[in-house]
mmCIF file of all heavy atoms, coordinates in Angstrom:
data_MODEL
# 
_entry.id   MODEL 
# 
loop_
_atom_site.group_PDB 
_atom_site.id 
_atom_site.type_symbol 
_atom_site.label_atom_id 
_atom_site.label_alt_id 
_atom_site.label_comp_id 
_atom_site.label_asym_id 
_atom_site.label_entity_id 
_atom_site.label_seq_id 
_atom_site.pdbx_PDB_ins_code 
_atom_site.Cartn_x 
_atom_site.Cartn_y 
_atom_site.Cartn_z 
_atom_site.occupancy 
_atom_site.B_iso_or_equiv 
_atom_site.pdbx_formal_charge 
_atom_site.auth_seq_id 
_atom_site.auth_comp_id 
_atom_site.auth_asym_id 
_atom_site.auth_atom_id 
_atom_site.pdbx_PDB_model_num 
ATOM 1   N N   . ASP A 1 1  ? 9.200  27.657 -50.981 1.00 0.00 ? 1  ASP A N   1 
ATOM 2   C CA  . ASP A 1 1  ? 10.642 27.066 -50.905 1.00 0.00 ? 1  ASP A CA  1 
ATOM 3   C C   . ASP A 1 1  ? 10.822 26.202 -49.810 1.00 0.00 ? 1  ASP A C   1 
ATOM 4   O O   . ASP A 1 1  ? 11.656 25.264 -49.917 1.00 0.00 ? 1  ASP A O   1 
ATOM 5   C CB  . ASP A 1 1  ? 11.544 28.363 -50.843 1.00 0.00 ? 1  ASP A CB  1 
ATOM 6   C CG  . ASP A 1 1  ? 11.586 29.083 -52.185 1.00 0.00 ? 1  ASP A CG  1 
ATOM 7   O OD1 . ASP A 1 1  ? 11.285 28.467 -53.277 1.00 0.00 ? 1  ASP A OD1 1 
ATOM 8   O OD2 . ASP A 1 1  ? 11.974 30.258 -52.192 1.00 0.00 ? 1  ASP A OD2 1 
ATOM 9   N N   . ARG A 1 2  ? 10.284 26.485 -48.590 1.00 0.00 ? 2  ARG A N   1 
ATOM 10  C CA  . ARG A 1 2  ? 10.378 25.635 -47.544 1.00 0.00 ? 2  ARG A CA  1 
ATOM 11  C C   . ARG A 1 2  ? 9.848  24.236 -47.798 1.00 0.00 ? 2  ARG A C   1 
ATOM 12  O O   . ARG A 1 2  ? 10.492 23.192 -47.401 1.00 0.00 ? 2  ARG A O   1 
ATOM 13  C CB  . ARG A 1 2  ? 9.751  26.234 -46.273 1.00 0.00 ? 2  ARG A CB  1 
ATOM 14  C CG  . ARG A 1 2  ? 10.620 27.411 -45.623 1.00 0.00 ? 2  ARG A CG  1 
ATOM 15  C CD  . ARG A 1 2  ? 10.116 27.664 -44.225 1.00 0.00 ? 2  ARG A CD  1 
ATOM 16  N NE  . ARG A 1 2  ? 8.668  28.038 -44.210 1.00 0.00 ? 2  ARG A NE  1 
ATOM 17  C CZ  . ARG A 1 2  ? 8.236  29.262 -44.327 1.00 0.00 ? 2  ARG A CZ  1 
ATOM 18  N NH1 . ARG A 1 2  ? 9.097  30.286 -44.573 1.00 0.00 ? 2  ARG A NH1 1 
ATOM 19  N NH2 . ARG A 1 2  ? 6.895  29.569 -44.319 1.00 0.00 ? 2  ARG A NH2 1 
ATOM 20  N N   . GLU A 1 3  ? 8.730  24.230 -48.419 1.00 0.00 ? 3  GLU A N   1 
ATOM 21  C CA  . GLU A 1 3  ? 8.120  23.001 -48.867 1.00 0.00 ? 3  GLU A CA  1 
ATOM 22  C C   . GLU A 1 3  ? 9.025  22.233 -49.847 1.00 0.00 ? 3  GLU A C   1 
ATOM 23  O O   . GLU A 1 3  ? 9.071  20.971 -49.739 1.00 0.00 ? 3  GLU A O   1 
ATOM 24  C CB  . GLU A 1 3  ? 6.664  23.190 -49.427 1.00 0.00 ? 3  GLU A CB  1 
ATOM 25  C CG  . GLU A 1 3  ? 5.911  21.933 -49.704 1.00 0.00 ? 3  GLU A CG  1 
ATOM 26  C CD  . GLU A 1 3  ? 5.589  21.177 -48.461 1.00 0.00 ? 3  GLU A CD  1 
ATOM 27  O OE1 . GLU A 1 3  ? 5.763  21.692 -47.246 1.00 0.00 ? 3  GLU A OE1 1 
ATOM 28  O OE2 . GLU A 1 3  ? 5.190  19.971 -48.577 1.00 0.00 ? 3  GLU A OE2 1 
ATOM 29  N N   . ARG A 1 4  ? 9.581  22.952 -50.715 1.00 0.00 ? 4  ARG A N   1 
ATOM 30  C CA  . ARG A 1 4  ? 10.573 22.315 -51.731 1.00 0.00 ? 4  ARG A CA  1 
ATOM 31  C C   . ARG A 1 4  ? 11.648 21.725 -50.976 1.00 0.00 ? 4  ARG A C   1 
ATOM 32  O O   . ARG A 1 4  ? 12.044 20.562 -51.279 1.00 0.00 ? 4  ARG A O   1 
ATOM 33  C CB  . ARG A 1 4  ? 11.026 23.372 -52.762 1.00 0.00 ? 4  ARG A CB  1 
ATOM 34  C CG  . ARG A 1 4  ? 9.879  23.895 -53.658 1.00 0.00 ? 4  ARG A CG  1 
ATOM 35  C CD  . ARG A 1 4  ? 10.432 25.050 -54.405 1.00 0.00 ? 4  ARG A CD  1 
ATOM 36  N NE  . ARG A 1 4  ? 11.406 24.790 -55.406 1.00 0.00 ? 4  ARG A NE  1 
ATOM 37  C CZ  . ARG A 1 4  ? 11.179 24.590 -56.770 1.00 0.00 ? 4  ARG A CZ  1 
ATOM 38  N NH1 . ARG A 1 4  ? 9.892  24.888 -57.203 1.00 0.00 ? 4  ARG A NH1 1 
ATOM 39  N NH2 . ARG A 1 4  ? 12.150 24.382 -57.527 1.00 0.00 ? 4  ARG A NH2 1 
ATOM 40  N N   . ARG A 1 5  ? 12.218 22.371 -50.066 1.00 0.00 ? 5  ARG A N   1 
ATOM 41  C CA  . ARG A 1 5  ? 13.294 21.854 -49.292 1.00 0.00 ? 5  ARG A CA  1 
ATOM 42  C C   . ARG A 1 5  ? 12.948 20.669 -48.461 1.00 0.00 ? 5  ARG A C   1 
ATOM 43  O O   . ARG A 1 5  ? 13.724 19.676 -48.443 1.00 0.00 ? 5  ARG A O   1 
ATOM 44  C CB  . ARG A 1 5  ? 13.829 22.952 -48.243 1.00 0.00 ? 5  ARG A CB  1 
ATOM 45  C CG  . ARG A 1 5  ? 14.703 24.053 -48.938 1.00 0.00 ? 5  ARG A CG  1 
ATOM 46  C CD  . ARG A 1 5  ? 15.237 24.969 -47.877 1.00 0.00 ? 5  ARG A CD  1 
ATOM 47  N NE  . ARG A 1 5  ? 16.156 25.891 -48.376 1.00 0.00 ? 5  ARG A NE  1 
ATOM 48  C CZ  . ARG A 1 5  ? 15.923 27.129 -48.818 1.00 0.00 ? 5  ARG A CZ  1 
ATOM 49  N NH1 . ARG A 1 5  ? 14.572 27.502 -48.728 1.00 0.00 ? 5  ARG A NH1 1 
ATOM 50  N NH2 . ARG A 1 5  ? 16.761 27.896 -49.326 1.00 0.00 ? 5  ARG A NH2 1 
ATOM 51  N N   . ARG A 1 6  ? 11.741 20.605 -47.889 1.00 0.00 ? 6  ARG A N   1 
ATOM 52  C CA  . ARG A 1 6  ? 11.232 19.399 -47.177 1.00 0.00 ? 6  ARG A CA  1 
ATOM 53  C C   . ARG A 1 6  ? 11.035 18.275 -48.131 1.00 0.00 ? 6  ARG A C   1 
ATOM 54  O O   . ARG A 1 6  ? 11.501 17.130 -47.833 1.00 0.00 ? 6  ARG A O   1 
ATOM 55  C CB  . ARG A 1 6  ? 9.927  19.814 -46.519 1.00 0.00 ? 6  ARG A CB  1 
ATOM 56  C CG  . ARG A 1 6  ? 9.319  18.669 -45.596 1.00 0.00 ? 6  ARG A CG  1 
ATOM 57  C CD  . ARG A 1 6  ? 7.965  18.917 -45.082 1.00 0.00 ? 6  ARG A CD  1 
ATOM 58  N NE  . ARG A 1 6  ? 7.057  18.830 -46.270 1.00 0.00 ? 6  ARG A NE  1 
ATOM 59  C CZ  . ARG A 1 6  ? 6.624  17.671 -46.792 1.00 0.00 ? 6  ARG A CZ  1 
ATOM 60  N NH1 . ARG A 1 6  ? 7.144  16.545 -46.322 1.00 0.00 ? 6  ARG A NH1 1 
ATOM 61  N NH2 . ARG A 1 6  ? 5.813  17.712 -47.815 1.00 0.00 ? 6  ARG A NH2 1 
ATOM 62  N N   . ILE A 1 7  ? 10.471 18.626 -49.195 1.00 0.00 ? 7  ILE A N   1 
ATOM 63  C CA  . ILE A 1 7  ? 10.325 17.487 -50.163 1.00 0.00 ? 7  ILE A CA  1 
ATOM 64  C C   . ILE A 1 7  ? 11.649 16.830 -50.638 1.00 0.00 ? 7  ILE A C   1 
ATOM 65  O O   . ILE A 1 7  ? 11.823 15.676 -50.652 1.00 0.00 ? 7  ILE A O   1 
ATOM 66  C CB  . ILE A 1 7  ? 9.397  17.904 -51.429 1.00 0.00 ? 7  ILE A CB  1 
ATOM 67  C CG1 . ILE A 1 7  ? 8.030  18.200 -50.953 1.00 0.00 ? 7  ILE A CG1 1 
ATOM 68  C CG2 . ILE A 1 7  ? 9.458  16.844 -52.531 1.00 0.00 ? 7  ILE A CG2 1 
ATOM 69  C CD1 . ILE A 1 7  ? 7.186  18.843 -52.035 1.00 0.00 ? 7  ILE A CD1 1 
ATOM 70  N N   . ALA A 1 8  ? 12.562 17.799 -50.905 1.00 0.00 ? 8  ALA A N   1 
ATOM 71  C CA  . ALA A 1 8  ? 13.899 17.344 -51.381 1.00 0.00 ? 8  ALA A CA  1 
ATOM 72  C C   . ALA A 1 8  ? 14.610 16.635 -50.315 1.00 0.00 ? 8  ALA A C   1 
ATOM 73  O O   . ALA A 1 8  ? 15.184 15.615 -50.513 1.00 0.00 ? 8  ALA A O   1 
ATOM 74  C CB  . ALA A 1 8  ? 14.756 18.505 -51.815 1.00 0.00 ? 8  ALA A CB  1 
ATOM 75  N N   . GLN A 1 9  ? 14.411 17.052 -49.135 1.00 0.00 ? 9  GLN A N   1 
ATOM 76  C CA  . GLN A 1 9  ? 15.122 16.397 -47.940 1.00 0.00 ? 9  GLN A CA  1 
ATOM 77  C C   . GLN A 1 9  ? 14.489 14.979 -47.747 1.00 0.00 ? 9  GLN A C   1 
ATOM 78  O O   . GLN A 1 9  ? 15.147 13.934 -47.440 1.00 0.00 ? 9  GLN A O   1 
ATOM 79  C CB  . GLN A 1 9  ? 14.937 17.198 -46.675 1.00 0.00 ? 9  GLN A CB  1 
ATOM 80  C CG  . GLN A 1 9  ? 15.800 16.645 -45.573 1.00 0.00 ? 9  GLN A CG  1 
ATOM 81  C CD  . GLN A 1 9  ? 17.370 16.903 -45.803 1.00 0.00 ? 9  GLN A CD  1 
ATOM 82  O OE1 . GLN A 1 9  ? 17.748 17.943 -46.452 1.00 0.00 ? 9  GLN A OE1 1 
ATOM 83  N NE2 . GLN A 1 9  ? 18.136 15.980 -45.386 1.00 0.00 ? 9  GLN A NE2 1 
ATOM 84  N N   . ASP A 1 10 ? 13.138 14.896 -47.845 1.00 0.00 ? 10 ASP A N   1 
ATOM 85  C CA  . ASP A 1 10 ? 12.463 13.634 -47.660 1.00 0.00 ? 10 ASP A CA  1 
ATOM 86  C C   . ASP A 1 10 ? 12.782 12.622 -48.783 1.00 0.00 ? 10 ASP A C   1 
ATOM 87  O O   . ASP A 1 10 ? 13.051 11.456 -48.574 1.00 0.00 ? 10 ASP A O   1 
ATOM 88  C CB  . ASP A 1 10 ? 10.906 13.800 -47.743 1.00 0.00 ? 10 ASP A CB  1 
ATOM 89  C CG  . ASP A 1 10 ? 10.441 14.462 -46.451 1.00 0.00 ? 10 ASP A CG  1 
ATOM 90  O OD1 . ASP A 1 10 ? 11.193 14.573 -45.468 1.00 0.00 ? 10 ASP A OD1 1 
ATOM 91  O OD2 . ASP A 1 10 ? 9.282  14.903 -46.457 1.00 0.00 ? 10 ASP A OD2 1 
ATOM 92  N N   . LEU A 1 11 ? 12.958 13.134 -49.975 1.00 0.00 ? 11 LEU A N   1 
ATOM 93  C CA  . LEU A 1 11 ? 13.426 12.250 -51.113 1.00 0.00 ? 11 LEU A CA  1 
ATOM 94  C C   . LEU A 1 11 ? 14.794 11.832 -50.923 1.00 0.00 ? 11 LEU A C   1 
ATOM 95  O O   . LEU A 1 11 ? 15.112 10.664 -51.209 1.00 0.00 ? 11 LEU A O   1 
ATOM 96  C CB  . LEU A 1 11 ? 13.203 13.032 -52.486 1.00 0.00 ? 11 LEU A CB  1 
ATOM 97  C CG  . LEU A 1 11 ? 11.780 13.332 -52.916 1.00 0.00 ? 11 LEU A CG  1 
ATOM 98  C CD1 . LEU A 1 11 ? 11.818 14.098 -54.151 1.00 0.00 ? 11 LEU A CD1 1 
ATOM 99  C CD2 . LEU A 1 11 ? 11.097 12.003 -53.256 1.00 0.00 ? 11 LEU A CD2 1 
ATOM 100 N N   . HIS A 1 12 ? 15.648 12.757 -50.466 1.00 0.00 ? 12 HIS A N   1 
ATOM 101 C CA  . HIS A 1 12 ? 17.020 12.356 -50.302 1.00 0.00 ? 12 HIS A CA  1 
ATOM 102 C C   . HIS A 1 12 ? 17.166 11.426 -49.167 1.00 0.00 ? 12 HIS A C   1 
ATOM 103 O O   . HIS A 1 12 ? 17.946 10.399 -49.235 1.00 0.00 ? 12 HIS A O   1 
ATOM 104 C CB  . HIS A 1 12 ? 17.895 13.609 -50.018 1.00 0.00 ? 12 HIS A CB  1 
ATOM 105 C CG  . HIS A 1 12 ? 19.265 13.357 -49.736 1.00 0.00 ? 12 HIS A CG  1 
ATOM 106 N ND1 . HIS A 1 12 ? 19.789 13.117 -48.573 1.00 0.00 ? 12 HIS A ND1 1 
ATOM 107 C CD2 . HIS A 1 12 ? 20.441 13.378 -50.719 1.00 0.00 ? 12 HIS A CD2 1 
ATOM 108 C CE1 . HIS A 1 12 ? 21.133 12.841 -48.663 1.00 0.00 ? 12 HIS A CE1 1 
ATOM 109 N NE2 . HIS A 1 12 ? 21.489 13.080 -49.897 1.00 0.00 ? 12 HIS A NE2 1 
ATOM 110 N N   . ASP A 1 13 ? 16.512 11.650 -47.988 1.00 0.00 ? 13 ASP A N   1 
ATOM 111 C CA  . ASP A 1 13 ? 16.681 10.815 -46.810 1.00 0.00 ? 13 ASP A CA  1 
ATOM 112 C C   . ASP A 1 13 ? 15.885 9.552  -46.788 1.00 0.00 ? 13 ASP A C   1 
ATOM 113 O O   . ASP A 1 13 ? 16.230 8.602  -46.112 1.00 0.00 ? 13 ASP A O   1 
ATOM 114 C CB  . ASP A 1 13 ? 16.395 11.704 -45.499 1.00 0.00 ? 13 ASP A CB  1 
ATOM 115 C CG  . ASP A 1 13 ? 17.365 12.781 -45.355 1.00 0.00 ? 13 ASP A CG  1 
ATOM 116 O OD1 . ASP A 1 13 ? 18.377 12.831 -46.017 1.00 0.00 ? 13 ASP A OD1 1 
ATOM 117 O OD2 . ASP A 1 13 ? 17.024 13.762 -44.649 1.00 0.00 ? 13 ASP A OD2 1 
ATOM 118 N N   . GLY A 1 14 ? 14.790 9.600  -47.509 1.00 0.00 ? 14 GLY A N   1 
ATOM 119 C CA  . GLY A 1 14 ? 13.847 8.486  -47.504 1.00 0.00 ? 14 GLY A CA  1 
ATOM 120 C C   . GLY A 1 14 ? 13.969 7.588  -48.803 1.00 0.00 ? 14 GLY A C   1 
ATOM 121 O O   . GLY A 1 14 ? 14.692 6.532  -48.776 1.00 0.00 ? 14 GLY A O   1 
ATOM 122 N N   . LEU A 1 15 ? 13.443 7.981  -49.930 1.00 0.00 ? 15 LEU A N   1 
ATOM 123 C CA  . LEU A 1 15 ? 13.297 7.138  -51.091 1.00 0.00 ? 15 LEU A CA  1 
ATOM 124 C C   . LEU A 1 15 ? 14.780 6.853  -51.658 1.00 0.00 ? 15 LEU A C   1 
ATOM 125 O O   . LEU A 1 15 ? 14.999 5.790  -52.072 1.00 0.00 ? 15 LEU A O   1 
ATOM 126 C CB  . LEU A 1 15 ? 12.519 7.859  -52.192 1.00 0.00 ? 15 LEU A CB  1 
ATOM 127 C CG  . LEU A 1 15 ? 12.187 7.089  -53.439 1.00 0.00 ? 15 LEU A CG  1 
ATOM 128 C CD1 . LEU A 1 15 ? 11.631 5.684  -53.116 1.00 0.00 ? 15 LEU A CD1 1 
ATOM 129 C CD2 . LEU A 1 15 ? 11.355 7.836  -54.314 1.00 0.00 ? 15 LEU A CD2 1 
ATOM 130 N N   . GLN A 1 16 ? 15.628 7.841  -51.722 1.00 0.00 ? 16 GLN A N   1 
ATOM 131 C CA  . GLN A 1 16 ? 17.023 7.591  -52.269 1.00 0.00 ? 16 GLN A CA  1 
ATOM 132 C C   . GLN A 1 16 ? 17.722 6.565  -51.371 1.00 0.00 ? 16 GLN A C   1 
ATOM 133 O O   . GLN A 1 16 ? 18.437 5.728  -51.927 1.00 0.00 ? 16 GLN A O   1 
ATOM 134 C CB  . GLN A 1 16 ? 17.737 9.011  -52.404 1.00 0.00 ? 16 GLN A CB  1 
ATOM 135 C CG  . GLN A 1 16 ? 19.129 8.826  -52.976 1.00 0.00 ? 16 GLN A CG  1 
ATOM 136 C CD  . GLN A 1 16 ? 19.774 10.135 -53.199 1.00 0.00 ? 16 GLN A CD  1 
ATOM 137 O OE1 . GLN A 1 16 ? 18.999 11.175 -53.360 1.00 0.00 ? 16 GLN A OE1 1 
ATOM 138 N NE2 . GLN A 1 16 ? 21.025 10.126 -53.421 1.00 0.00 ? 16 GLN A NE2 1 
ATOM 139 N N   . VAL A 1 17 ? 17.569 6.681  -50.122 1.00 0.00 ? 17 VAL A N   1 
ATOM 140 C CA  . VAL A 1 17 ? 18.232 5.668  -49.274 1.00 0.00 ? 17 VAL A CA  1 
ATOM 141 C C   . VAL A 1 17 ? 17.756 4.304  -49.448 1.00 0.00 ? 17 VAL A C   1 
ATOM 142 O O   . VAL A 1 17 ? 18.488 3.423  -49.505 1.00 0.00 ? 17 VAL A O   1 
ATOM 143 C CB  . VAL A 1 17 ? 18.128 6.187  -47.772 1.00 0.00 ? 17 VAL A CB  1 
ATOM 144 C CG1 . VAL A 1 17 ? 18.704 5.083  -46.830 1.00 0.00 ? 17 VAL A CG1 1 
ATOM 145 C CG2 . VAL A 1 17 ? 18.906 7.399  -47.475 1.00 0.00 ? 17 VAL A CG2 1 
ATOM 146 N N   . GLN A 1 18 ? 16.407 4.236  -49.683 1.00 0.00 ? 18 GLN A N   1 
ATOM 147 C CA  . GLN A 1 18 ? 15.813 2.953  -49.854 1.00 0.00 ? 18 GLN A CA  1 
ATOM 148 C C   . GLN A 1 18 ? 16.299 2.294  -51.235 1.00 0.00 ? 18 GLN A C   1 
ATOM 149 O O   . GLN A 1 18 ? 16.508 1.179  -51.271 1.00 0.00 ? 18 GLN A O   1 
ATOM 150 C CB  . GLN A 1 18 ? 14.236 3.042  -49.895 1.00 0.00 ? 18 GLN A CB  1 
ATOM 151 C CG  . GLN A 1 18 ? 13.727 3.380  -48.441 1.00 0.00 ? 18 GLN A CG  1 
ATOM 152 C CD  . GLN A 1 18 ? 12.150 3.510  -48.502 1.00 0.00 ? 18 GLN A CD  1 
ATOM 153 O OE1 . GLN A 1 18 ? 11.512 2.990  -49.460 1.00 0.00 ? 18 GLN A OE1 1 
ATOM 154 N NE2 . GLN A 1 18 ? 11.618 4.352  -47.635 1.00 0.00 ? 18 GLN A NE2 1 
ATOM 155 N N   . LEU A 1 19 ? 16.459 3.154  -52.149 1.00 0.00 ? 19 LEU A N   1 
ATOM 156 C CA  . LEU A 1 19 ? 16.890 2.673  -53.478 1.00 0.00 ? 19 LEU A CA  1 
ATOM 157 C C   . LEU A 1 19 ? 18.316 2.240  -53.269 1.00 0.00 ? 19 LEU A C   1 
ATOM 158 O O   . LEU A 1 19 ? 18.749 1.213  -53.968 1.00 0.00 ? 19 LEU A O   1 
ATOM 159 C CB  . LEU A 1 19 ? 16.817 3.799  -54.520 1.00 0.00 ? 19 LEU A CB  1 
ATOM 160 C CG  . LEU A 1 19 ? 15.392 4.101  -55.043 1.00 0.00 ? 19 LEU A CG  1 
ATOM 161 C CD1 . LEU A 1 19 ? 15.453 5.376  -55.949 1.00 0.00 ? 19 LEU A CD1 1 
ATOM 162 C CD2 . LEU A 1 19 ? 14.772 3.010  -55.752 1.00 0.00 ? 19 LEU A CD2 1 
ATOM 163 N N   . VAL A 1 20 ? 19.163 2.924  -52.620 1.00 0.00 ? 20 VAL A N   1 
ATOM 164 C CA  . VAL A 1 20 ? 20.564 2.464  -52.422 1.00 0.00 ? 20 VAL A CA  1 
ATOM 165 C C   . VAL A 1 20 ? 20.639 1.100  -51.667 1.00 0.00 ? 20 VAL A C   1 
ATOM 166 O O   . VAL A 1 20 ? 21.288 0.226  -52.069 1.00 0.00 ? 20 VAL A O   1 
ATOM 167 C CB  . VAL A 1 20 ? 21.308 3.526  -51.563 1.00 0.00 ? 20 VAL A CB  1 
ATOM 168 C CG1 . VAL A 1 20 ? 22.723 3.033  -51.205 1.00 0.00 ? 20 VAL A CG1 1 
ATOM 169 C CG2 . VAL A 1 20 ? 21.512 4.790  -52.380 1.00 0.00 ? 20 VAL A CG2 1 
ATOM 170 N N   . LEU A 1 21 ? 19.720 0.908  -50.713 1.00 0.00 ? 21 LEU A N   1 
ATOM 171 C CA  . LEU A 1 21 ? 19.684 -0.340 -49.955 1.00 0.00 ? 21 LEU A CA  1 
ATOM 172 C C   . LEU A 1 21 ? 19.213 -1.472 -50.886 1.00 0.00 ? 21 LEU A C   1 
ATOM 173 O O   . LEU A 1 21 ? 19.696 -2.539 -50.834 1.00 0.00 ? 21 LEU A O   1 
ATOM 174 C CB  . LEU A 1 21 ? 18.783 -0.188 -48.774 1.00 0.00 ? 21 LEU A CB  1 
ATOM 175 C CG  . LEU A 1 21 ? 19.287 0.698  -47.638 1.00 0.00 ? 21 LEU A CG  1 
ATOM 176 C CD1 . LEU A 1 21 ? 18.175 0.874  -46.508 1.00 0.00 ? 21 LEU A CD1 1 
ATOM 177 C CD2 . LEU A 1 21 ? 20.536 0.261  -47.095 1.00 0.00 ? 21 LEU A CD2 1 
ATOM 178 N N   . LEU A 1 22 ? 18.227 -1.139 -51.783 1.00 0.00 ? 22 LEU A N   1 
ATOM 179 C CA  . LEU A 1 22 ? 17.687 -2.172 -52.703 1.00 0.00 ? 22 LEU A CA  1 
ATOM 180 C C   . LEU A 1 22 ? 18.778 -2.541 -53.679 1.00 0.00 ? 22 LEU A C   1 
ATOM 181 O O   . LEU A 1 22 ? 18.942 -3.758 -54.108 1.00 0.00 ? 22 LEU A O   1 
ATOM 182 C CB  . LEU A 1 22 ? 16.486 -1.658 -53.402 1.00 0.00 ? 22 LEU A CB  1 
ATOM 183 C CG  . LEU A 1 22 ? 15.166 -1.499 -52.597 1.00 0.00 ? 22 LEU A CG  1 
ATOM 184 C CD1 . LEU A 1 22 ? 13.992 -0.873 -53.452 1.00 0.00 ? 22 LEU A CD1 1 
ATOM 185 C CD2 . LEU A 1 22 ? 14.761 -2.966 -52.159 1.00 0.00 ? 22 LEU A CD2 1 
ATOM 186 N N   . ALA A 1 23 ? 19.601 -1.516 -54.107 1.00 0.00 ? 23 ALA A N   1 
ATOM 187 C CA  . ALA A 1 23 ? 20.633 -1.859 -55.128 1.00 0.00 ? 23 ALA A CA  1 
ATOM 188 C C   . ALA A 1 23 ? 21.629 -2.779 -54.424 1.00 0.00 ? 23 ALA A C   1 
ATOM 189 O O   . ALA A 1 23 ? 22.236 -3.684 -55.052 1.00 0.00 ? 23 ALA A O   1 
ATOM 190 C CB  . ALA A 1 23 ? 21.265 -0.582 -55.532 1.00 0.00 ? 23 ALA A CB  1 
ATOM 191 N N   . LEU A 1 24 ? 22.034 -2.436 -53.123 1.00 0.00 ? 24 LEU A N   1 
ATOM 192 C CA  . LEU A 1 24 ? 22.922 -3.343 -52.459 1.00 0.00 ? 24 LEU A CA  1 
ATOM 193 C C   . LEU A 1 24 ? 22.445 -4.705 -52.327 1.00 0.00 ? 24 LEU A C   1 
ATOM 194 O O   . LEU A 1 24 ? 23.151 -5.740 -52.461 1.00 0.00 ? 24 LEU A O   1 
ATOM 195 C CB  . LEU A 1 24 ? 23.255 -2.714 -51.038 1.00 0.00 ? 24 LEU A CB  1 
ATOM 196 C CG  . LEU A 1 24 ? 24.091 -1.473 -51.133 1.00 0.00 ? 24 LEU A CG  1 
ATOM 197 C CD1 . LEU A 1 24 ? 24.259 -0.864 -49.678 1.00 0.00 ? 24 LEU A CD1 1 
ATOM 198 C CD2 . LEU A 1 24 ? 25.451 -1.644 -51.674 1.00 0.00 ? 24 LEU A CD2 1 
# 
């Protein structure tokens, strides 16, 4: 579960932010 949280946090803070910037 801790690893799932880490992955979710990395996806949220990393890839998702990058996608938002690319969309802008």
